[in-house]
Each structure stands twice: as C-alpha cells, then as structure tokens.
Amino acid sequence: MAMAPDTAAPVDPHDTRKRVMAIVGGSSGNLVEWYDFYVYAATALYFAPAFFPKGDPTAQLLSTAAIFAVGFLMRPVGGWLFGRIADRSGRKASMVISVLMMCFGSLMIAVLPTYDSIGVAAPVLLLVARLLQGLSVGGEYGTSATYMSEVATARHRGFFSSFQYVTLIGGQLLALLVVVVLQAVYTGDEIRAWAWRIPFFIGAGTAVIALFLRRALHETTTAKDRASEGAGTISLLLAHPKPLLQVIGLTAGGSLAFYTYTTYMQKFLVNSAGFSVERASITMTAVLFCYMCLQPLLGALSDRIGRRACLLVFGVGTAVMTVPLLTVLGGVTTSGAAFALILAALFIVSFYTSISGVVKAELFPPQIRALGVGLGYAISNSLFGGTAEYVALQLKSWGVEHYFFWYVSAFAVISLVSAFSMKDTRLHGHLDHPDAPARRV
C-alpha cells in the first residue's frame, strides 16, 4: 500500500462520536458472544458430573474439556461462513446472525436434561450446543476484528481495535464474576444440582440486548467491494497465501498462550497448586480485570512503536518465560503470589492480544478481509487454542505435566517466526496509513 501524503484533516467531533458508538455497538456483541462461550469453562467444575458418568473427577474434567475443544472444531466453518457473509453482504449482517446463533446455543445448554435423566443423549446434546456456539464464535472473531479495525481512525487504530480483546476478556471476566456470585449465594451442592444453569440463561438474555445494538451499526464496506469478483471466496484468499500463513502462525502461539493463562488457569490452580474452586475463581477474577485494563494501553503503544515490535516482544517473552512461570505457579501457596505470576505472564501475552485483530485485518484487502482474518484465526485457534485444556489435562494424567509448559513455549517460537516475516502493518498494511486523509464512518 503506497504511503499517502500528509494531508490529513482533523476528524470532526460528530464523526468521532459515530466511531465511538460503532466501537461500543460492535464490542458489546463481542462481549456477549465470549461470555456465552467462556461460561462453559467457568462452570465446568460444577456441571461435569451432571453430564458424564460418576467416576474420577479428572476424567470428568477431561470429558468436559474435550467437548470444549470440539466446539473449536466448528470455528473454521464459522470463520469461512461468516467471513463470506461479511465480505459479500456486509459486516453488520454477519455480526447480527452470529449473536443470534450464540443466544440459541446458550439457551439450549441452560435447559438440557442431565445424564441421569436421558442417559447418553445428555452429553450428545451438550456437544450439539457447543458446536453451534463454536460456529458462532468462529464467525464473530473475524468479523468483529475487521469491523472495529475499519471503523477506527488510522492514527489510533491499535487503541480502538484493542477493545475487541477488552470485551473478549470482559466476557470471560463476567462469566467468572457470575460464578463468584453463585458461590456466594448458593452452596456447592446447589450449584452442582441446578444453579450452574443460571449463567447460561443470563447469556441468552443479554444476547437480545446485543442484537438491538448491532442492528444500529454503520456498514464499513462499499457496495463495489462487496460486489467485486471473488469477494469472500476461498479462491481469492488463496491468492494471498503469505498473510494467511502469517495469521495462522501468529494465532498458534497467541491463542495457546491466551487459553493457557485464562480458561485453563483456573483448573491448573485447583488441580496442580491445590487451590479450592472458590479461591481459584476469585484469584482469576482479579487477574482478568487487570489483564483487561492492559489492552488499550498496549494497543495505544502499538500506534507509536508499530505492530511488529509488539509481536516480537510477545514471541520472545512467551518463549523464554513460560516454562519458569508455570513451574513456579504449580507450587504457589498464596493467592497473592498466584495473582502476580499469572498477571506477569498475561502482560507479555497482551503484546499479542491487544493488537491481535488489527494486525490481521491490516494484512488483507477489503474483498477478503473478514474471511482472511476469520478463517486463518479459526483454523489455528481450533487446533491449538481450543485444545490447550485437553492437552494439559491429558499430560497431567500421564504424570508429565511439565511437557505442556514446553509445548506452549514451542508455539510461541512459531509466532515469533511469523512476526519476523512481516513488515509493520501499521505503515505497510491494507488499511489507511496514519498520514492518509481521515475516513468517515
């Protein structure tokens, strides 16, 4: 992309308000989507016995983790389907459909009968619900990342786009907060018996609010781009193999590290460090709140030093620090020590997550931007991010948990190689250069 002359004019206040409201609308739906998806992991410790035969608790967690991972297998399908819709029919249409599908999946889990009631049909129906949610989230990431990158001003695109992960983490944090409230209001037996369903009803209800917010969004694509030959097709995407491989490589290490220190970490604190479920939940709630607040700061930093520099910090830091951090974490005895160590790891991961969406959106032209971001992310995320819990628990059951630490480090190296292969997309990407004339929403 050629650099534009320095002829930018200040964005008028009305235009800025429209951009901010568009970010709020897009990110609110993102929060609901990820809350619905993560509440499964947050409540798995309670509902695992309801859907699987009585037996070893680790085996039950392995079963729920396997279904969590299988939900990720639908993500490439969702990335392709919703990316195609977004590139051919518009970002708004894609985001509205995805949030409706997530609502249905959550409601389905909320009303599912247990194993004692309908036998093997219970885990089968749970699997179906997770497949629907995986399809929805597979489409949500690429479309929302693309939309928020396109609607932001060029000079502050890293900052505004970072709110995708603010709401993504916010969804996870909200899921944990709901669980903490349940733990304060109900006994453990009550939660295991029926109260674990409440968070899924909440998710289905909030999706309705997100639907109304998304219906008011501005469209960021032009009719010409949507109607252009090959828009939203795999054939056109394959004509850009390098950025697709870069997205897959960046996501491999980034998603694996993210899921290791967020969704899996609560179980790690319980199974490896000996924390109670309640103590682990409170610790992770505090960690995730701080982690969420880091995203805009590092997103803004990327607007000054470039996306590539941030990705290099993430790759080197995660490759070097994962093994010692997780080794020490396995032996912590206090909540304060666990908080400090996990937050230190997530500070390094933030150099990836804060710009994850924007750096990928900047790699592709508008005709295949949502497809390229969504499909590349979903393929890698389903293979490596979604399986993080299962791989970690399986290695623990074999007595070689420390192998998982090296597994995470190895994929961080893959992300590092991908970052080295890139130019700085802030200056050389397919979205406006910071010195280009300001666009209107």
Protein backbone atom coordinates (compact mmCIF):
# COMPACT_ATOMS: atom_id res chain seq x y z
CA MET A 1 0.00 0.00 0.00
CA ALA A 2 1.52 3.29 -1.06
CA MET A 3 2.11 5.92 1.61
CA ALA A 4 -0.22 8.89 1.35
CA PRO A 5 0.98 12.46 1.65
CA ASP A 6 0.49 14.24 4.98
CA THR A 7 -2.81 15.91 4.10
CA ALA A 8 -4.96 14.57 6.93
CA ALA A 9 -7.60 16.86 8.37
CA PRO A 10 -8.85 16.62 11.95
CA VAL A 11 -11.85 14.37 12.37
CA ASP A 12 -14.86 16.47 13.35
CA PRO A 13 -16.49 15.74 16.76
CA HIS A 14 -19.66 14.31 15.20
CA ASP A 15 -17.60 11.83 13.18
CA THR A 16 -15.67 10.86 16.30
CA ARG A 17 -18.88 10.22 18.22
CA LYS A 18 -20.12 7.99 15.42
CA ARG A 19 -16.91 6.00 15.51
CA VAL A 20 -17.06 5.60 19.28
CA MET A 21 -20.68 4.46 19.16
CA ALA A 22 -19.81 1.98 16.40
CA ILE A 23 -16.98 0.58 18.56
CA VAL A 24 -19.39 0.29 21.50
CA GLY A 25 -22.02 -1.47 19.38
CA GLY A 26 -19.56 -3.90 17.84
CA SER A 27 -17.77 -4.65 21.09
CA SER A 28 -20.95 -5.15 23.14
CA GLY A 29 -21.96 -8.04 20.93
CA ASN A 30 -18.43 -9.37 21.18
CA LEU A 31 -18.70 -9.34 24.99
CA VAL A 32 -21.94 -11.32 24.92
CA GLU A 33 -20.55 -13.85 22.45
CA TRP A 34 -17.46 -14.54 24.52
CA TYR A 35 -19.34 -14.55 27.83
CA ASP A 36 -21.61 -17.27 26.45
CA PHE A 37 -18.65 -19.26 25.19
CA TYR A 38 -16.49 -18.92 28.32
CA VAL A 39 -19.21 -19.52 30.88
CA TYR A 40 -18.99 -23.18 29.87
CA ALA A 41 -15.38 -23.34 31.06
CA ALA A 42 -16.16 -21.30 34.17
CA THR A 43 -18.93 -23.69 35.30
CA ALA A 44 -17.44 -26.98 34.06
CA LEU A 45 -16.15 -27.88 37.52
CA TYR A 46 -19.77 -27.93 38.70
CA PHE A 47 -21.76 -29.45 35.83
CA ALA A 48 -19.28 -32.16 34.72
CA PRO A 49 -20.94 -34.81 36.99
CA ALA A 50 -24.38 -33.90 35.57
CA PHE A 51 -23.49 -34.94 32.02
CA PHE A 52 -20.94 -37.72 32.48
CA PRO A 53 -20.95 -40.98 34.48
CA LYS A 54 -19.78 -40.83 38.08
CA GLY A 55 -16.09 -41.55 38.46
CA ASP A 56 -12.70 -39.88 38.70
CA PRO A 57 -13.04 -36.05 38.79
CA THR A 58 -10.09 -35.63 36.42
CA ALA A 59 -11.77 -37.98 33.91
CA GLN A 60 -14.96 -35.91 34.10
CA LEU A 61 -12.97 -32.72 33.53
CA LEU A 62 -11.27 -34.38 30.58
CA SER A 63 -14.71 -35.12 29.09
CA THR A 64 -15.92 -31.53 29.51
CA ALA A 65 -12.59 -30.22 28.19
CA ALA A 66 -12.92 -32.49 25.17
CA ILE A 67 -16.35 -31.00 24.37
CA PHE A 68 -14.88 -27.53 24.93
CA ALA A 69 -12.19 -28.43 22.38
CA VAL A 70 -14.68 -29.97 19.93
CA GLY A 71 -16.57 -26.68 19.94
CA PHE A 72 -13.43 -25.18 18.44
CA LEU A 73 -13.57 -27.59 15.50
CA MET A 74 -16.58 -25.66 14.19
CA ARG A 75 -14.64 -22.42 14.23
CA PRO A 76 -13.05 -22.85 10.79
CA VAL A 77 -16.52 -23.49 9.36
CA GLY A 78 -17.79 -20.39 11.17
CA GLY A 79 -14.78 -18.38 10.02
CA TRP A 80 -15.47 -19.36 6.42
CA LEU A 81 -19.27 -18.96 6.56
CA PHE A 82 -19.44 -15.66 8.42
CA GLY A 83 -16.35 -14.30 6.68
CA ARG A 84 -18.05 -14.92 3.35
CA ILE A 85 -21.25 -13.25 4.58
CA ALA A 86 -19.28 -10.25 5.91
CA ASP A 87 -17.28 -9.77 2.70
CA ARG A 88 -20.25 -10.28 0.35
CA SER A 89 -23.24 -8.96 2.34
CA GLY A 90 -21.63 -6.65 4.89
CA ARG A 91 -20.09 -6.77 8.36
CA LYS A 92 -23.35 -5.80 10.07
CA ALA A 93 -25.37 -8.73 8.72
CA SER A 94 -22.68 -11.20 9.75
CA MET A 95 -22.46 -9.86 13.31
CA VAL A 96 -26.24 -9.91 13.82
CA ILE A 97 -26.56 -13.54 12.69
CA SER A 98 -23.64 -14.70 14.84
CA VAL A 99 -25.03 -13.23 18.07
CA LEU A 100 -28.42 -14.84 17.42
CA MET A 101 -26.79 -18.23 16.97
CA MET A 102 -24.83 -17.86 20.21
CA CYS A 103 -28.05 -16.99 22.04
CA PHE A 104 -29.67 -20.22 20.86
CA GLY A 105 -26.67 -22.34 21.89
CA SER A 106 -26.63 -20.89 25.41
CA LEU A 107 -30.36 -21.33 25.87
CA MET A 108 -30.03 -24.93 24.74
CA ILE A 109 -27.39 -25.69 27.40
CA ALA A 110 -29.46 -23.92 30.07
CA VAL A 111 -32.40 -26.31 29.64
CA LEU A 112 -30.56 -29.59 28.88
CA PRO A 113 -31.60 -32.66 30.92
CA THR A 114 -28.83 -34.48 32.81
CA TYR A 115 -27.20 -37.86 32.22
CA ASP A 116 -29.33 -39.38 34.98
CA SER A 117 -32.48 -38.25 33.12
CA ILE A 118 -31.78 -39.16 29.49
CA GLY A 119 -28.52 -41.09 29.57
CA VAL A 120 -26.01 -40.71 26.75
CA ALA A 121 -28.29 -38.25 24.94
CA ALA A 122 -27.31 -35.61 27.52
CA PRO A 123 -23.62 -35.29 26.55
CA VAL A 124 -24.59 -35.63 22.88
CA LEU A 125 -26.95 -32.66 23.11
CA LEU A 126 -24.33 -30.74 25.07
CA LEU A 127 -21.94 -31.40 22.19
CA VAL A 128 -24.51 -30.11 19.66
CA ALA A 129 -24.96 -26.90 21.64
CA ARG A 130 -21.20 -26.37 21.80
CA LEU A 131 -20.88 -26.96 18.06
CA LEU A 132 -23.44 -24.19 17.45
CA GLN A 133 -21.54 -21.88 19.78
CA GLY A 134 -18.26 -22.77 18.10
CA LEU A 135 -19.76 -21.94 14.71
CA SER A 136 -20.95 -18.59 16.04
CA VAL A 137 -17.67 -17.60 17.71
CA GLY A 138 -15.74 -18.74 14.65
CA GLY A 139 -17.55 -16.08 12.68
CA GLU A 140 -17.58 -13.48 15.44
CA TYR A 141 -13.84 -13.02 15.80
CA GLY A 142 -13.01 -12.30 12.17
CA THR A 143 -15.98 -10.05 11.52
CA SER A 144 -15.74 -8.01 14.72
CA ALA A 145 -11.96 -7.65 14.39
CA THR A 146 -12.40 -6.45 10.82
CA TYR A 147 -15.26 -4.10 11.66
CA MET A 148 -13.51 -2.47 14.63
CA SER A 149 -10.30 -2.03 12.62
CA GLU A 150 -12.17 -0.45 9.70
CA VAL A 151 -14.25 1.92 11.80
CA ALA A 152 -11.30 3.27 13.83
CA THR A 153 -9.22 6.29 12.82
CA ALA A 154 -5.84 5.39 11.34
CA ARG A 155 -3.75 7.18 13.98
CA HIS A 156 -5.48 5.38 16.86
CA ARG A 157 -6.41 2.09 15.23
CA GLY A 158 -4.39 -0.02 17.67
CA PHE A 159 -6.05 1.69 20.64
CA PHE A 160 -9.63 1.40 19.38
CA SER A 161 -9.19 -2.10 18.00
CA SER A 162 -7.83 -3.28 21.34
CA PHE A 163 -11.37 -3.06 22.69
CA GLN A 164 -12.11 -6.29 20.87
CA TYR A 165 -9.99 -8.09 23.45
CA VAL A 166 -11.23 -5.78 26.21
CA THR A 167 -14.70 -7.17 25.57
CA LEU A 168 -13.41 -10.67 24.84
CA ILE A 169 -11.67 -10.71 28.24
CA GLY A 170 -14.64 -8.85 29.69
CA GLY A 171 -16.87 -11.70 28.59
CA GLN A 172 -14.61 -14.16 30.36
CA LEU A 173 -14.43 -11.92 33.42
CA LEU A 174 -18.20 -11.57 33.50
CA ALA A 175 -18.51 -15.35 33.36
CA LEU A 176 -16.19 -15.70 36.35
CA LEU A 177 -17.98 -12.92 38.26
CA VAL A 178 -21.30 -14.67 37.78
CA VAL A 179 -19.75 -17.88 39.13
CA VAL A 180 -18.32 -15.98 42.15
CA VAL A 181 -21.79 -14.58 42.90
CA LEU A 182 -23.31 -18.04 42.58
CA GLN A 183 -20.71 -19.37 45.02
CA ALA A 184 -21.65 -16.61 47.50
CA VAL A 185 -25.40 -17.17 47.20
CA TYR A 186 -25.67 -20.95 46.84
CA THR A 187 -23.93 -23.94 48.38
CA GLY A 188 -21.68 -26.14 46.27
CA ASP A 189 -24.32 -28.86 46.23
CA GLU A 190 -26.98 -26.42 45.00
CA ILE A 191 -24.75 -25.18 42.20
CA ARG A 192 -23.94 -28.72 41.11
CA ALA A 193 -27.61 -29.68 41.27
CA TRP A 194 -29.18 -26.80 39.29
CA ALA A 195 -27.74 -23.30 39.85
CA TRP A 196 -24.98 -23.83 37.25
CA ARG A 197 -27.75 -23.27 34.65
CA ILE A 198 -28.30 -19.63 35.69
CA PRO A 199 -25.23 -18.21 33.85
CA PHE A 200 -26.45 -19.75 30.57
CA PHE A 201 -29.88 -18.14 30.95
CA ILE A 202 -28.13 -14.81 31.59
CA GLY A 203 -26.08 -15.23 28.42
CA ALA A 204 -29.13 -15.95 26.29
CA GLY A 205 -30.90 -12.88 27.67
CA THR A 206 -28.03 -10.44 27.14
CA ALA A 207 -27.72 -11.58 23.53
CA VAL A 208 -31.07 -9.93 22.85
CA ILE A 209 -29.64 -6.58 24.00
CA ALA A 210 -26.58 -7.06 21.80
CA LEU A 211 -28.86 -7.78 18.85
CA PHE A 212 -30.57 -4.39 19.13
CA LEU A 213 -27.24 -2.59 19.46
CA ARG A 214 -25.84 -4.32 16.40
CA ARG A 215 -28.87 -3.53 14.28
CA ALA A 216 -27.91 0.16 14.61
CA LEU A 217 -24.32 -0.29 13.40
CA HIS A 218 -22.93 1.53 10.36
CA GLU A 219 -21.67 -0.59 7.48
CA THR A 220 -17.95 -0.16 6.74
CA THR A 221 -17.75 -1.85 3.34
CA THR A 222 -18.74 -0.39 0.00
CA ALA A 223 -21.16 -1.95 -2.47
CA LYS A 224 -18.33 -2.01 -5.01
CA ASP A 225 -16.05 -4.08 -2.75
CA ARG A 226 -18.87 -6.48 -1.83
CA ALA A 227 -19.78 -7.00 -5.48
CA SER A 228 -16.22 -7.32 -6.77
CA GLU A 229 -15.16 -10.58 -8.41
CA GLY A 230 -14.02 -13.18 -5.90
CA ALA A 231 -15.15 -11.21 -2.83
CA GLY A 232 -15.43 -13.54 0.15
CA THR A 233 -14.20 -16.60 -1.76
CA ILE A 234 -11.53 -19.13 -0.85
CA SER A 235 -10.01 -18.85 -4.33
CA LEU A 236 -9.26 -15.16 -3.87
CA LEU A 237 -7.99 -15.77 -0.35
CA LEU A 238 -5.57 -18.43 -1.61
CA ALA A 239 -4.16 -15.82 -3.98
CA HIS A 240 -2.78 -14.20 -0.79
CA PRO A 241 -1.02 -17.20 0.83
CA LYS A 242 1.62 -15.29 2.81
CA PRO A 243 -0.75 -13.23 5.01
CA LEU A 244 -2.95 -16.29 5.55
CA LEU A 245 0.05 -18.28 6.81
CA GLN A 246 1.14 -15.34 8.94
CA VAL A 247 -2.29 -15.19 10.60
CA ILE A 248 -2.18 -18.94 11.27
CA GLY A 249 1.32 -18.72 12.74
CA LEU A 250 0.61 -15.71 14.93
CA THR A 251 -2.60 -17.26 16.21
CA ALA A 252 -0.98 -20.61 17.02
CA GLY A 253 1.25 -19.25 19.75
CA GLY A 254 -1.01 -16.35 20.73
CA SER A 255 -4.16 -18.37 21.27
CA LEU A 256 -2.37 -21.22 23.03
CA ALA A 257 -0.77 -18.79 25.48
CA PHE A 258 -4.06 -16.92 25.96
CA TYR A 259 -6.08 -20.03 26.78
CA THR A 260 -3.31 -21.42 28.97
CA TYR A 261 -3.29 -18.39 31.26
CA THR A 262 -7.05 -17.73 31.21
CA THR A 263 -9.52 -20.60 30.77
CA TYR A 264 -7.13 -23.40 31.79
CA MET A 265 -5.50 -21.49 34.63
CA GLN A 266 -8.47 -21.85 36.99
CA LYS A 267 -8.26 -25.63 36.68
CA PHE A 268 -4.45 -25.52 36.95
CA LEU A 269 -4.71 -23.68 40.27
CA VAL A 270 -7.17 -26.29 41.56
CA ASN A 271 -5.53 -29.47 40.23
CA SER A 272 -1.85 -28.55 40.42
CA ALA A 273 -1.49 -25.80 43.03
CA GLY A 274 -4.16 -27.19 45.38
CA PHE A 275 -6.44 -24.12 45.47
CA SER A 276 -10.13 -24.51 46.28
CA VAL A 277 -12.56 -23.84 43.43
CA GLU A 278 -13.78 -20.65 45.12
CA ARG A 279 -10.26 -19.35 45.79
CA ALA A 280 -9.17 -20.03 42.22
CA SER A 281 -12.24 -18.21 40.87
CA ILE A 282 -11.60 -15.10 42.97
CA THR A 283 -7.90 -15.05 42.04
CA MET A 284 -8.64 -15.35 38.33
CA THR A 285 -11.34 -12.67 38.52
CA ALA A 286 -8.79 -10.19 39.88
CA VAL A 287 -6.19 -11.23 37.30
CA LEU A 288 -8.58 -10.92 34.36
CA PHE A 289 -9.74 -7.45 35.41
CA CYS A 290 -6.15 -6.17 35.39
CA TYR A 291 -5.43 -8.01 32.14
CA MET A 292 -8.47 -6.39 30.52
CA CYS A 293 -7.23 -2.92 31.54
CA LEU A 294 -3.86 -3.58 29.91
CA GLN A 295 -5.31 -3.97 26.40
CA PRO A 296 -5.95 -0.30 25.49
CA LEU A 297 -2.57 0.73 26.92
CA LEU A 298 -0.64 -1.71 24.75
CA GLY A 299 -2.94 -1.10 21.79
CA ALA A 300 -2.06 2.60 22.02
CA LEU A 301 1.62 1.67 22.34
CA SER A 302 1.38 -0.19 19.02
CA ASP A 303 0.19 3.04 17.39
CA ARG A 304 3.52 4.57 18.39
CA ILE A 305 6.09 1.77 18.03
CA GLY A 306 4.34 -0.41 15.44
CA ARG A 307 2.57 -3.78 15.48
CA ARG A 308 5.62 -5.84 14.54
CA ALA A 309 7.65 -4.62 17.53
CA CYS A 310 4.84 -5.64 19.90
CA LEU A 311 4.56 -9.09 18.33
CA LEU A 312 8.31 -9.62 18.69
CA VAL A 313 8.11 -8.78 22.40
CA PHE A 314 5.29 -11.31 22.81
CA GLY A 315 7.12 -14.05 20.90
CA VAL A 316 10.43 -13.71 22.74
CA GLY A 317 8.85 -13.16 26.15
CA THR A 318 6.48 -16.12 25.95
CA ALA A 319 9.09 -18.48 24.54
CA VAL A 320 11.56 -17.65 27.32
CA MET A 321 9.28 -17.17 30.35
CA THR A 322 6.56 -19.84 30.02
CA VAL A 323 8.46 -22.79 31.49
CA PRO A 324 9.78 -20.99 34.60
CA LEU A 325 6.48 -19.19 35.22
CA LEU A 326 4.30 -22.30 35.03
CA THR A 327 6.82 -24.33 37.04
CA VAL A 328 6.70 -21.82 39.89
CA LEU A 329 2.93 -21.45 39.60
CA GLY A 330 2.47 -25.17 40.20
CA GLY A 331 3.91 -24.76 43.68
CA VAL A 332 2.36 -21.45 44.84
CA THR A 333 0.53 -21.44 48.15
CA THR A 334 -0.84 -17.90 48.35
CA SER A 335 -3.38 -16.07 46.21
CA GLY A 336 -1.09 -13.02 46.03
CA ALA A 337 1.77 -15.00 44.51
CA ALA A 338 -0.55 -16.68 42.02
CA PHE A 339 -2.04 -13.31 41.05
CA ALA A 340 1.38 -11.74 40.46
CA LEU A 341 2.74 -14.64 38.41
CA ILE A 342 -0.32 -15.05 36.19
CA LEU A 343 -0.58 -11.30 35.59
CA ALA A 344 3.11 -11.17 34.67
CA ALA A 345 2.51 -13.87 32.07
CA LEU A 346 -0.58 -12.11 30.73
CA PHE A 347 1.29 -8.80 30.50
CA ILE A 348 3.58 -10.48 27.98
CA VAL A 349 0.60 -12.08 26.20
CA SER A 350 -1.01 -8.61 25.96
CA PHE A 351 1.58 -7.59 23.39
CA TYR A 352 -0.26 -10.05 21.13
CA THR A 353 -3.88 -9.87 22.28
CA SER A 354 -4.14 -6.07 22.28
CA ILE A 355 -3.38 -5.95 18.55
CA SER A 356 -4.47 -9.42 17.50
CA GLY A 357 -7.44 -8.22 15.47
CA VAL A 358 -6.00 -5.10 13.89
CA VAL A 359 -2.69 -6.62 12.77
CA LYS A 360 -4.56 -9.39 10.95
CA ALA A 361 -7.09 -7.01 9.39
CA GLU A 362 -4.25 -4.87 8.06
CA LEU A 363 -2.84 -7.87 6.18
CA PHE A 364 -5.79 -8.29 3.77
CA PRO A 365 -7.63 -6.21 1.13
CA PRO A 366 -11.31 -5.44 1.90
CA GLN A 367 -12.74 -8.05 -0.50
CA ILE A 368 -11.40 -10.92 1.64
CA ARG A 369 -10.54 -9.17 4.91
CA ALA A 370 -13.19 -10.77 7.13
CA LEU A 371 -12.65 -14.17 5.51
CA GLY A 372 -8.86 -13.99 5.80
CA VAL A 373 -8.90 -12.84 9.41
CA GLY A 374 -11.70 -15.17 10.49
CA LEU A 375 -10.68 -18.36 8.70
CA GLY A 376 -6.94 -18.07 9.40
CA TYR A 377 -7.63 -17.36 13.07
CA ALA A 378 -10.23 -20.12 13.38
CA ILE A 379 -8.07 -22.83 11.82
CA SER A 380 -5.16 -22.14 14.15
CA ASN A 381 -7.32 -21.41 17.18
CA SER A 382 -9.26 -24.64 16.84
CA LEU A 383 -6.09 -26.73 16.52
CA PHE A 384 -4.03 -25.12 19.27
CA GLY A 385 -6.06 -22.72 21.43
CA GLY A 386 -9.14 -24.89 21.84
CA THR A 387 -7.14 -27.99 22.67
CA ALA A 388 -4.97 -26.30 25.33
CA GLU A 389 -7.02 -27.57 28.28
CA TYR A 390 -7.32 -31.07 26.90
CA VAL A 391 -3.60 -31.40 26.12
CA ALA A 392 -2.65 -30.01 29.54
CA LEU A 393 -5.04 -32.31 31.44
CA GLN A 394 -4.03 -35.34 29.40
CA LEU A 395 -0.33 -34.76 30.05
CA LYS A 396 -1.10 -34.29 33.74
CA SER A 397 -2.98 -37.60 33.80
CA TRP A 398 0.13 -39.25 32.31
CA GLY A 399 2.33 -37.69 35.00
CA VAL A 400 4.29 -35.43 32.61
CA GLU A 401 2.54 -32.08 33.13
CA HIS A 402 5.80 -30.16 32.58
CA TYR A 403 5.77 -31.24 28.92
CA PHE A 404 2.85 -28.88 28.43
CA PHE A 405 5.00 -25.92 29.53
CA TRP A 406 7.50 -26.67 26.75
CA TYR A 407 4.61 -27.19 24.31
CA VAL A 408 3.43 -23.61 24.91
CA SER A 409 6.97 -22.25 24.53
CA ALA A 410 7.45 -24.07 21.23
CA PHE A 411 4.37 -22.49 19.68
CA ALA A 412 5.47 -19.07 20.89
CA VAL A 413 8.54 -19.58 18.71
CA ILE A 414 6.24 -20.23 15.72
CA SER A 415 4.51 -16.90 16.39
CA LEU A 416 7.90 -15.23 16.65
CA VAL A 417 8.91 -16.57 13.23
CA SER A 418 5.65 -15.26 11.76
CA ALA A 419 6.27 -11.82 13.25
CA PHE A 420 9.79 -11.74 11.80
CA SER A 421 8.34 -12.48 8.35
CA MET A 422 6.08 -9.40 8.43
CA LYS A 423 6.51 -5.76 7.67
CA ASP A 424 4.95 -3.35 10.16
CA THR A 425 1.30 -3.44 9.09
CA ARG A 426 0.64 -0.05 10.70
CA LEU A 427 2.69 1.51 7.88
CA HIS A 428 2.53 -1.13 5.13
CA GLY A 429 -0.89 -2.75 5.53
CA HIS A 430 -4.11 -2.62 3.50
CA LEU A 431 -5.89 -0.20 5.84
CA ASP A 432 -5.25 3.55 5.83
CA HIS A 433 -1.78 4.77 6.73
CA PRO A 434 -1.79 7.16 9.73
CA ASP A 435 -0.97 10.06 7.38
CA ALA A 436 -3.80 9.28 4.95
CA PRO A 437 -6.91 11.52 4.85
CA ALA A 438 -9.41 10.64 7.59
CA ARG A 439 -12.29 8.39 6.53
CA ARG A 440 -15.89 8.95 7.55
CA VAL A 441 -17.98 6.18 9.03
